[in-house]
């Protein structure tokens, strides 16, 4: 693991392999270890950078709200430090929001965008209310909130089959400090709508969705790529495609990286 000091804050990342630079961005309550099963495959032909986003994993919190632009600026600082000029961004859920913010702020640095169980749209009013409720809930019962939140990300039929993987995901999630959780929820709540990027980006974009995703309504999320060149891959399960559809996702990801 490597560290970088950014705005007096410790940032944790890894940097392995050679070739096209690929930056892997985890989701809310996750950290860079979510990509562990993918590193060996991806480093065969690529230089792979994994990052702990602000307030997650071994990266410290920068403030009381981590807006997506804060996260994107931090990614930019890592790229400058590593002297990287063009990267493919792969973002799971909140990591996708960060990737889109980065693509808007630093378009010249983007070679491709891979959005995994994510959306370019801002939170609906209902979703914002739910985020505020989540902030109250996590302050009242941190462990209960985290464990329940992770369970809900997997589709019901997988909860028994993937019991071990789910438990491991919960244990990693429980490493996320309370401040990091609250700052992320506040940041996601106020994030901008970036659907316009899906229509006008000059680089390839891939969207991967789960049919039974409890976080993102499949039919609704799909409508944002109508009349775009964005490629859609649909999996049968829930929000955690990197675990629930690991074999299929590896193939889609490798194919996408060959294209860019």
C-alpha atoms as a PDB file:
ATOM      1  CA  UNK A   1       0.000   0.000   0.000  1.00  0.00           C
ATOM      2  CA  UNK A   2       1.196   3.510  -0.837  1.00  0.00           C
ATOM      3  CA  UNK A   3       0.241   6.750   0.874  1.00  0.00           C
ATOM      4  CA  UNK A   4       0.145  10.352  -0.223  1.00  0.00           C
ATOM      5  CA  UNK A   5      -0.480  13.446   1.876  1.00  0.00           C
ATOM      6  CA  UNK A   6      -3.178  15.576   0.283  1.00  0.00           C
ATOM      7  CA  UNK A   7      -4.462  18.718   2.060  1.00  0.00           C
ATOM      8  CA  UNK A   8      -2.923  17.416   5.306  1.00  0.00           C
ATOM      9  CA  UNK A   9      -4.888  14.196   4.856  1.00  0.00           C
ATOM     10  CA  UNK A  10      -3.419  10.701   4.410  1.00  0.00           C
ATOM     11  CA  UNK A  11      -4.584   9.052   1.182  1.00  0.00           C
ATOM     12  CA  UNK A  12      -4.070   5.305   0.668  1.00  0.00           C
ATOM     13  CA  UNK A  13      -3.706   3.693  -2.753  1.00  0.00           C
ATOM     14  CA  UNK A  14      -2.015   0.831  -4.583  1.00  0.00           C
ATOM     15  CA  UNK A  15      -0.202   0.930  -7.923  1.00  0.00           C
ATOM     16  CA  UNK A  16       0.653  -2.303  -9.772  1.00  0.00           C
ATOM     17  CA  UNK A  17       1.356  -3.545 -13.268  1.00  0.00           C
ATOM     18  CA  UNK A  18       2.204  -1.915 -16.597  1.00  0.00           C
ATOM     19  CA  UNK A  19       0.168  -0.755 -19.558  1.00  0.00           C
ATOM     20  CA  UNK A  20      -3.025   1.274 -19.814  1.00  0.00           C
ATOM     21  CA  UNK A  21      -3.637   3.046 -16.499  1.00  0.00           C
ATOM     22  CA  UNK A  22      -6.873   1.862 -14.878  1.00  0.00           C
ATOM     23  CA  UNK A  23      -8.166   3.533 -11.705  1.00  0.00           C
ATOM     24  CA  UNK A  24     -10.538   1.385  -9.652  1.00  0.00           C
ATOM     25  CA  UNK A  25     -12.935   3.301  -7.393  1.00  0.00           C
ATOM     26  CA  UNK A  26     -14.952   1.524  -4.700  1.00  0.00           C
ATOM     27  CA  UNK A  27     -18.446   2.361  -3.483  1.00  0.00           C
ATOM     28  CA  UNK A  28     -19.956   3.613  -0.224  1.00  0.00           C
ATOM     29  CA  UNK A  29     -18.949   1.493   2.824  1.00  0.00           C
ATOM     30  CA  UNK A  30     -16.356  -0.287   0.676  1.00  0.00           C
ATOM     31  CA  UNK A  31     -12.612   0.235   0.255  1.00  0.00           C
ATOM     32  CA  UNK A  32      -9.911  -0.719  -2.228  1.00  0.00           C
ATOM     33  CA  UNK A  33      -9.949  -4.360  -1.064  1.00  0.00           C
ATOM     34  CA  UNK A  34     -13.228  -4.853  -2.969  1.00  0.00           C
ATOM     35  CA  UNK A  35     -11.051  -5.213  -6.100  1.00  0.00           C
ATOM     36  CA  UNK A  36      -8.717  -7.888  -4.686  1.00  0.00           C
ATOM     37  CA  UNK A  37     -10.163 -10.665  -6.858  1.00  0.00           C
ATOM     38  CA  UNK A  38      -9.655  -8.529  -9.982  1.00  0.00           C
ATOM     39  CA  UNK A  39      -6.088  -7.251  -9.548  1.00  0.00           C
ATOM     40  CA  UNK A  40      -4.259 -10.343 -10.822  1.00  0.00           C
ATOM     41  CA  UNK A  41      -6.350 -10.495 -13.988  1.00  0.00           C
ATOM     42  CA  UNK A  42      -6.232  -6.766 -14.736  1.00  0.00           C
ATOM     43  CA  UNK A  43      -2.497  -6.291 -14.094  1.00  0.00           C
ATOM     44  CA  UNK A  44      -1.649  -8.771 -16.879  1.00  0.00           C
ATOM     45  CA  UNK A  45      -2.035  -5.973 -19.432  1.00  0.00           C
ATOM     46  CA  UNK A  46      -2.706  -2.819 -17.419  1.00  0.00           C
ATOM     47  CA  UNK A  47      -1.295  -0.557 -14.755  1.00  0.00           C
ATOM     48  CA  UNK A  48      -3.912  -0.772 -12.008  1.00  0.00           C
ATOM     49  CA  UNK A  49      -4.402   1.875  -9.334  1.00  0.00           C
ATOM     50  CA  UNK A  50      -6.838   1.257  -6.480  1.00  0.00           C
ATOM     51  CA  UNK A  51      -7.732   4.089  -4.128  1.00  0.00           C
ATOM     52  CA  UNK A  52      -9.384   4.356  -0.730  1.00  0.00           C
ATOM     53  CA  UNK A  53     -11.790   7.269  -1.176  1.00  0.00           C
ATOM     54  CA  UNK A  54     -11.990  10.019   1.456  1.00  0.00           C
ATOM     55  CA  UNK A  55     -13.173   8.701   4.822  1.00  0.00           C
ATOM     56  CA  UNK A  56     -12.983   5.070   3.685  1.00  0.00           C
ATOM     57  CA  UNK A  57     -10.416   2.310   4.207  1.00  0.00           C
ATOM     58  CA  UNK A  58      -7.031   3.689   5.226  1.00  0.00           C
ATOM     59  CA  UNK A  59      -7.733   7.174   3.809  1.00  0.00           C
ATOM     60  CA  UNK A  60      -8.542   9.822   6.378  1.00  0.00           C
ATOM     61  CA  UNK A  61     -11.530  12.150   6.320  1.00  0.00           C
ATOM     62  CA  UNK A  62     -11.009  15.603   4.842  1.00  0.00           C
ATOM     63  CA  UNK A  63     -14.082  17.253   6.334  1.00  0.00           C
ATOM     64  CA  UNK A  64     -17.682  16.817   7.479  1.00  0.00           C
ATOM     65  CA  UNK A  65     -18.984  16.572   3.914  1.00  0.00           C
ATOM     66  CA  UNK A  66     -17.121  14.820   1.102  1.00  0.00           C
ATOM     67  CA  UNK A  67     -18.720  16.052  -2.106  1.00  0.00           C
ATOM     68  CA  UNK A  68     -17.937  14.109  -5.276  1.00  0.00           C
ATOM     69  CA  UNK A  69     -15.754  16.986  -6.495  1.00  0.00           C
ATOM     70  CA  UNK A  70     -13.569  16.643  -3.361  1.00  0.00           C
ATOM     71  CA  UNK A  71     -13.094  12.963  -4.143  1.00  0.00           C
ATOM     72  CA  UNK A  72     -12.329  13.752  -7.806  1.00  0.00           C
ATOM     73  CA  UNK A  73      -9.734  16.401  -6.872  1.00  0.00           C
ATOM     74  CA  UNK A  74      -8.055  13.857  -4.605  1.00  0.00           C
ATOM     75  CA  UNK A  75      -7.908  11.318  -7.488  1.00  0.00           C
ATOM     76  CA  UNK A  76      -6.393  14.047  -9.669  1.00  0.00           C
ATOM     77  CA  UNK A  77      -3.696  14.652  -7.020  1.00  0.00           C
ATOM     78  CA  UNK A  78      -2.785  10.939  -7.152  1.00  0.00           C
ATOM     79  CA  UNK A  79      -2.561  11.003 -10.967  1.00  0.00           C
ATOM     80  CA  UNK A  80      -0.296  14.066 -10.872  1.00  0.00           C
ATOM     81  CA  UNK A  81       1.854  12.361  -8.228  1.00  0.00           C
ATOM     82  CA  UNK A  82       2.110   9.228 -10.428  1.00  0.00           C
ATOM     83  CA  UNK A  83       2.622  11.342 -13.572  1.00  0.00           C
ATOM     84  CA  UNK A  84      -0.336   9.764 -15.320  1.00  0.00           C
ATOM     85  CA  UNK A  85      -1.922  11.610 -18.223  1.00  0.00           C
ATOM     86  CA  UNK A  86      -4.778   9.367 -19.432  1.00  0.00           C
ATOM     87  CA  UNK A  87      -6.709   6.832 -17.386  1.00  0.00           C
ATOM     88  CA  UNK A  88      -9.678   4.520 -17.591  1.00  0.00           C
ATOM     89  CA  UNK A  89     -11.943   5.030 -14.578  1.00  0.00           C
ATOM     90  CA  UNK A  90     -13.891   2.089 -13.176  1.00  0.00           C
ATOM     91  CA  UNK A  91     -16.343   3.063 -10.446  1.00  0.00           C
ATOM     92  CA  UNK A  92     -18.705   0.956  -8.378  1.00  0.00           C
ATOM     93  CA  UNK A  93     -21.819   2.803  -7.147  1.00  0.00           C
ATOM     94  CA  UNK A  94     -20.470   5.903  -5.309  1.00  0.00           C
ATOM     95  CA  UNK A  95     -17.171   5.265  -7.109  1.00  0.00           C
ATOM     96  CA  UNK A  96     -19.114   5.827 -10.332  1.00  0.00           C
ATOM     97  CA  UNK A  97     -20.334   9.201  -9.030  1.00  0.00           C
ATOM     98  CA  UNK A  98     -16.716  10.112  -8.289  1.00  0.00           C
ATOM     99  CA  UNK A  99     -15.618   8.935 -11.756  1.00  0.00           C
ATOM    100  CA  UNK A 100     -18.307  11.127 -13.379  1.00  0.00           C
ATOM    101  CA  UNK A 101     -17.271  14.141 -11.277  1.00  0.00           C
ATOM    102  CA  UNK A 102     -13.659  13.535 -12.323  1.00  0.00           C
ATOM    103  CA  UNK A 103     -14.694  13.235 -15.986  1.00  0.00           C
ATOM    104  CA  UNK A 104     -16.463  16.594 -15.767  1.00  0.00           C
ATOM    105  CA  UNK A 105     -13.594  18.372 -13.973  1.00  0.00           C
ATOM    106  CA  UNK A 106     -10.660  16.761 -15.804  1.00  0.00           C
ATOM    107  CA  UNK A 107     -11.983  15.600 -19.206  1.00  0.00           C
ATOM    108  CA  UNK A 108      -8.531  15.515 -20.829  1.00  0.00           C
ATOM    109  CA  UNK A 109      -7.409  12.822 -18.389  1.00  0.00           C
ATOM    110  CA  UNK A 110     -10.163  10.343 -19.242  1.00  0.00           C
ATOM    111  CA  UNK A 111      -9.659   7.523 -21.715  1.00  0.00           C
ATOM    112  CA  UNK A 112     -12.775   5.535 -20.817  1.00  0.00           C
ATOM    113  CA  UNK A 113     -15.493   5.270 -18.180  1.00  0.00           C
ATOM    114  CA  UNK A 114     -16.816   2.024 -16.718  1.00  0.00           C
ATOM    115  CA  UNK A 115     -19.825   2.589 -14.450  1.00  0.00           C
ATOM    116  CA  UNK A 116     -20.673  -0.412 -12.306  1.00  0.00           C
ATOM    117  CA  UNK A 117     -24.087  -0.414 -10.585  1.00  0.00           C
ATOM    118  CA  UNK A 118     -24.044   3.370 -10.759  1.00  0.00           C
ATOM    119  CA  UNK A 119     -25.966   6.290 -12.244  1.00  0.00           C
ATOM    120  CA  UNK A 120     -25.216   9.708 -13.724  1.00  0.00           C
ATOM    121  CA  UNK A 121     -28.378  11.175 -12.214  1.00  0.00           C
ATOM    122  CA  UNK A 122     -28.594  13.186  -9.012  1.00  0.00           C
ATOM    123  CA  UNK A 123     -30.508  11.868  -5.995  1.00  0.00           C
ATOM    124  CA  UNK A 124     -34.276  12.140  -6.173  1.00  0.00           C
ATOM    125  CA  UNK A 125     -36.022  14.016  -3.351  1.00  0.00           C
ATOM    126  CA  UNK A 126     -37.031  10.674  -1.853  1.00  0.00           C
ATOM    127  CA  UNK A 127     -33.451   9.408  -1.998  1.00  0.00           C
ATOM    128  CA  UNK A 128     -32.198  12.579  -0.284  1.00  0.00           C
ATOM    129  CA  UNK A 129     -34.674  12.011   2.549  1.00  0.00           C
ATOM    130  CA  UNK A 130     -33.445   8.409   2.856  1.00  0.00           C
ATOM    131  CA  UNK A 131     -29.820   9.601   3.046  1.00  0.00           C
ATOM    132  CA  UNK A 132     -30.741  11.987   5.887  1.00  0.00           C
ATOM    133  CA  UNK A 133     -32.496   9.117   7.675  1.00  0.00           C
ATOM    134  CA  UNK A 134     -29.405   6.959   7.166  1.00  0.00           C
ATOM    135  CA  UNK A 135     -27.244   9.634   8.831  1.00  0.00           C
ATOM    136  CA  UNK A 136     -29.522   9.579  11.891  1.00  0.00           C
ATOM    137  CA  UNK A 137     -29.574   5.752  11.904  1.00  0.00           C
ATOM    138  CA  UNK A 138     -25.805   5.303  11.693  1.00  0.00           C
ATOM    139  CA  UNK A 139     -25.253   7.796  14.516  1.00  0.00           C
ATOM    140  CA  UNK A 140     -27.735   5.893  16.686  1.00  0.00           C
ATOM    141  CA  UNK A 141     -26.554   2.353  15.918  1.00  0.00           C
ATOM    142  CA  UNK A 142     -23.342   2.246  13.898  1.00  0.00           C
ATOM    143  CA  UNK A 143     -22.844  -1.538  13.754  1.00  0.00           C
ATOM    144  CA  UNK A 144     -26.498  -2.370  13.146  1.00  0.00           C
ATOM    145  CA  UNK A 145     -26.717   0.199  10.353  1.00  0.00           C
ATOM    146  CA  UNK A 146     -23.561  -0.987   8.566  1.00  0.00           C
ATOM    147  CA  UNK A 147     -24.438  -4.685   8.738  1.00  0.00           C
ATOM    148  CA  UNK A 148     -27.997  -4.107   7.511  1.00  0.00           C
ATOM    149  CA  UNK A 149     -26.877  -1.719   4.760  1.00  0.00           C
ATOM    150  CA  UNK A 150     -24.471  -4.307   3.328  1.00  0.00           C
ATOM    151  CA  UNK A 151     -27.012  -7.158   3.459  1.00  0.00           C
ATOM    152  CA  UNK A 152     -29.488  -5.040   1.495  1.00  0.00           C
ATOM    153  CA  UNK A 153     -27.027  -4.550  -1.365  1.00  0.00           C
ATOM    154  CA  UNK A 154     -27.193  -8.250  -2.291  1.00  0.00           C
ATOM    155  CA  UNK A 155     -30.299  -9.699  -3.906  1.00  0.00           C
ATOM    156  CA  UNK A 156     -32.260 -11.967  -1.587  1.00  0.00           C
ATOM    157  CA  UNK A 157     -31.558 -15.240  -3.390  1.00  0.00           C
ATOM    158  CA  UNK A 158     -27.807 -14.701  -2.927  1.00  0.00           C
ATOM    159  CA  UNK A 159     -27.814 -13.974   0.784  1.00  0.00           C
ATOM    160  CA  UNK A 160     -27.420 -17.626   1.744  1.00  0.00           C
ATOM    161  CA  UNK A 161     -25.265 -18.736  -1.189  1.00  0.00           C
ATOM    162  CA  UNK A 162     -22.822 -15.867  -0.673  1.00  0.00           C
ATOM    163  CA  UNK A 163     -23.022 -15.801   3.144  1.00  0.00           C
ATOM    164  CA  UNK A 164     -19.223 -15.922   3.572  1.00  0.00           C
ATOM    165  CA  UNK A 165     -18.572 -13.171   1.013  1.00  0.00           C
ATOM    166  CA  UNK A 166     -21.304 -11.023   2.556  1.00  0.00           C
ATOM    167  CA  UNK A 167     -19.827 -11.438   6.031  1.00  0.00           C
ATOM    168  CA  UNK A 168     -16.377 -10.438   4.718  1.00  0.00           C
ATOM    169  CA  UNK A 169     -17.916  -7.379   3.029  1.00  0.00           C
ATOM    170  CA  UNK A 170     -19.544  -6.408   6.334  1.00  0.00           C
ATOM    171  CA  UNK A 171     -16.237  -6.737   8.189  1.00  0.00           C
ATOM    172  CA  UNK A 172     -14.533  -4.439   5.668  1.00  0.00           C
ATOM    173  CA  UNK A 173     -17.459  -1.992   5.876  1.00  0.00           C
ATOM    174  CA  UNK A 174     -17.125  -1.879   9.666  1.00  0.00           C
ATOM    175  CA  UNK A 175     -13.639  -0.418   9.202  1.00  0.00           C
ATOM    176  CA  UNK A 176     -15.242   2.738   7.785  1.00  0.00           C
ATOM    177  CA  UNK A 177     -15.245   5.436  10.483  1.00  0.00           C
ATOM    178  CA  UNK A 178     -18.511   7.132  11.412  1.00  0.00           C
ATOM    179  CA  UNK A 179     -17.266  10.481  10.108  1.00  0.00           C
ATOM    180  CA  UNK A 180     -16.429   8.888   6.750  1.00  0.00           C
ATOM    181  CA  UNK A 181     -19.920   7.383   6.483  1.00  0.00           C
ATOM    182  CA  UNK A 182     -21.707  10.625   7.346  1.00  0.00           C
ATOM    183  CA  UNK A 183     -19.474  12.720   5.058  1.00  0.00           C
ATOM    184  CA  UNK A 184     -20.142  10.334   2.141  1.00  0.00           C
ATOM    185  CA  UNK A 185     -23.920  10.331   2.705  1.00  0.00           C
ATOM    186  CA  UNK A 186     -23.945  14.139   2.847  1.00  0.00           C
ATOM    187  CA  UNK A 187     -21.809  14.300  -0.299  1.00  0.00           C
ATOM    188  CA  UNK A 188     -23.953  11.878  -2.300  1.00  0.00           C
ATOM    189  CA  UNK A 189     -27.083  13.734  -1.249  1.00  0.00           C
ATOM    190  CA  UNK A 190     -25.946  16.997  -2.874  1.00  0.00           C
ATOM    191  CA  UNK A 191     -24.236  15.581  -5.953  1.00  0.00           C
ATOM    192  CA  UNK A 192     -24.928  17.077  -9.383  1.00  0.00           C
ATOM    193  CA  UNK A 193     -26.747  15.435 -12.249  1.00  0.00           C
ATOM    194  CA  UNK A 194     -24.138  14.472 -14.853  1.00  0.00           C
ATOM    195  CA  UNK A 195     -26.312  12.690 -17.408  1.00  0.00           C
ATOM    196  CA  UNK A 196     -25.069  15.073 -20.103  1.00  0.00           C
ATOM    197  CA  UNK A 197     -21.677  13.302 -19.999  1.00  0.00           C
ATOM    198  CA  UNK A 198     -23.312  10.085 -21.201  1.00  0.00           C
ATOM    199  CA  UNK A 199     -24.489  11.909 -24.311  1.00  0.00           C
ATOM    200  CA  UNK A 200     -21.421  13.908 -25.268  1.00  0.00           C
ATOM    201  CA  UNK A 201     -18.314  12.184 -23.876  1.00  0.00           C
ATOM    202  CA  UNK A 202     -15.739  11.567 -26.636  1.00  0.00           C
ATOM    203  CA  UNK A 203     -14.502   8.307 -25.049  1.00  0.00           C
ATOM    204  CA  UNK A 204     -16.153   4.871 -24.619  1.00  0.00           C
ATOM    205  CA  UNK A 205     -18.523   4.407 -21.684  1.00  0.00           C
ATOM    206  CA  UNK A 206     -19.819   1.095 -20.345  1.00  0.00           C
ATOM    207  CA  UNK A 207     -22.710   0.817 -17.900  1.00  0.00           C
ATOM    208  CA  UNK A 208     -23.240  -2.389 -15.929  1.00  0.00           C
ATOM    209  CA  UNK A 209     -26.525  -2.863 -14.077  1.00  0.00           C
ATOM    210  CA  UNK A 210     -28.117  -5.597 -11.986  1.00  0.00           C
ATOM    211  CA  UNK A 211     -31.704  -6.538 -12.804  1.00  0.00           C
ATOM    212  CA  UNK A 212     -32.506  -6.994  -9.092  1.00  0.00           C
ATOM    213  CA  UNK A 213     -30.543  -4.009  -7.775  1.00  0.00           C
ATOM    214  CA  UNK A 214     -32.255  -2.718  -4.618  1.00  0.00           C
ATOM    215  CA  UNK A 215     -30.413   0.617  -4.762  1.00  0.00           C
ATOM    216  CA  UNK A 216     -30.900   1.559  -8.408  1.00  0.00           C
ATOM    217  CA  UNK A 217     -34.172   0.847 -10.164  1.00  0.00           C
ATOM    218  CA  UNK A 218     -33.085  -1.046 -13.283  1.00  0.00           C
ATOM    219  CA  UNK A 219     -35.742   0.242 -15.719  1.00  0.00           C
ATOM    220  CA  UNK A 220     -35.351   3.811 -14.542  1.00  0.00           C
ATOM    221  CA  UNK A 221     -31.534   3.827 -14.587  1.00  0.00           C
ATOM    222  CA  UNK A 222     -31.518   2.360 -18.074  1.00  0.00           C
ATOM    223  CA  UNK A 223     -33.483   5.296 -19.534  1.00  0.00           C
ATOM    224  CA  UNK A 224     -30.526   7.668 -19.091  1.00  0.00           C
ATOM    225  CA  UNK A 225     -28.563   5.949 -21.848  1.00  0.00           C
ATOM    226  CA  UNK A 226     -31.294   6.167 -24.494  1.00  0.00           C
ATOM    227  CA  UNK A 227     -29.939   7.856 -27.658  1.00  0.00           C
ATOM    228  CA  UNK A 228     -26.339   7.551 -26.405  1.00  0.00           C
ATOM    229  CA  UNK A 229     -23.406   5.373 -27.455  1.00  0.00           C
ATOM    230  CA  UNK A 230     -23.093   3.987 -23.938  1.00  0.00           C
ATOM    231  CA  UNK A 231     -22.887   0.203 -23.924  1.00  0.00           C
ATOM    232  CA  UNK A 232     -25.107  -1.573 -21.428  1.00  0.00           C
ATOM    233  CA  UNK A 233     -24.467  -4.934 -19.813  1.00  0.00           C
ATOM    234  CA  UNK A 234     -27.220  -6.385 -17.642  1.00  0.00           C
ATOM    235  CA  UNK A 235     -26.632  -8.979 -14.958  1.00  0.00           C
ATOM    236  CA  UNK A 236     -29.309 -11.034 -13.227  1.00  0.00           C
ATOM    237  CA  UNK A 237     -28.544 -10.151  -9.621  1.00  0.00           C
ATOM    238  CA  UNK A 238     -28.198  -7.177  -7.276  1.00  0.00           C
ATOM    239  CA  UNK A 239     -26.079  -4.108  -6.548  1.00  0.00           C
ATOM    240  CA  UNK A 240     -22.876  -6.054  -5.845  1.00  0.00           C
ATOM    241  CA  UNK A 241     -22.104  -7.277  -9.369  1.00  0.00           C
ATOM    242  CA  UNK A 242     -18.381  -7.603  -8.584  1.00  0.00           C
ATOM    243  CA  UNK A 243     -19.303 -10.404  -6.148  1.00  0.00           C
ATOM    244  CA  UNK A 244     -22.693 -11.614  -7.391  1.00  0.00           C
ATOM    245  CA  UNK A 245     -21.620 -11.843 -11.046  1.00  0.00           C
ATOM    246  CA  UNK A 246     -17.841 -11.994 -10.673  1.00  0.00           C
ATOM    247  CA  UNK A 247     -17.014 -14.317 -13.592  1.00  0.00           C
ATOM    248  CA  UNK A 248     -19.210 -12.443 -16.075  1.00  0.00           C
ATOM    249  CA  UNK A 249     -17.998  -9.042 -14.888  1.00  0.00           C
ATOM    250  CA  UNK A 250     -14.348  -9.985 -15.329  1.00  0.00           C
ATOM    251  CA  UNK A 251     -15.012 -10.790 -18.977  1.00  0.00           C
ATOM    252  CA  UNK A 252     -16.945  -7.551 -19.607  1.00  0.00           C
ATOM    253  CA  UNK A 253     -14.236  -5.480 -17.909  1.00  0.00           C
ATOM    254  CA  UNK A 254     -11.369  -7.096 -19.840  1.00  0.00           C
ATOM    255  CA  UNK A 255     -13.252  -6.671 -23.133  1.00  0.00           C
ATOM    256  CA  UNK A 256     -13.877  -3.003 -22.358  1.00  0.00           C
ATOM    257  CA  UNK A 257     -10.212  -2.372 -21.533  1.00  0.00           C
ATOM    258  CA  UNK A 258      -9.165  -3.949 -24.831  1.00  0.00           C
ATOM    259  CA  UNK A 259     -11.450  -1.486 -26.652  1.00  0.00           C
ATOM    260  CA  UNK A 260     -10.059   1.655 -25.033  1.00  0.00           C
END
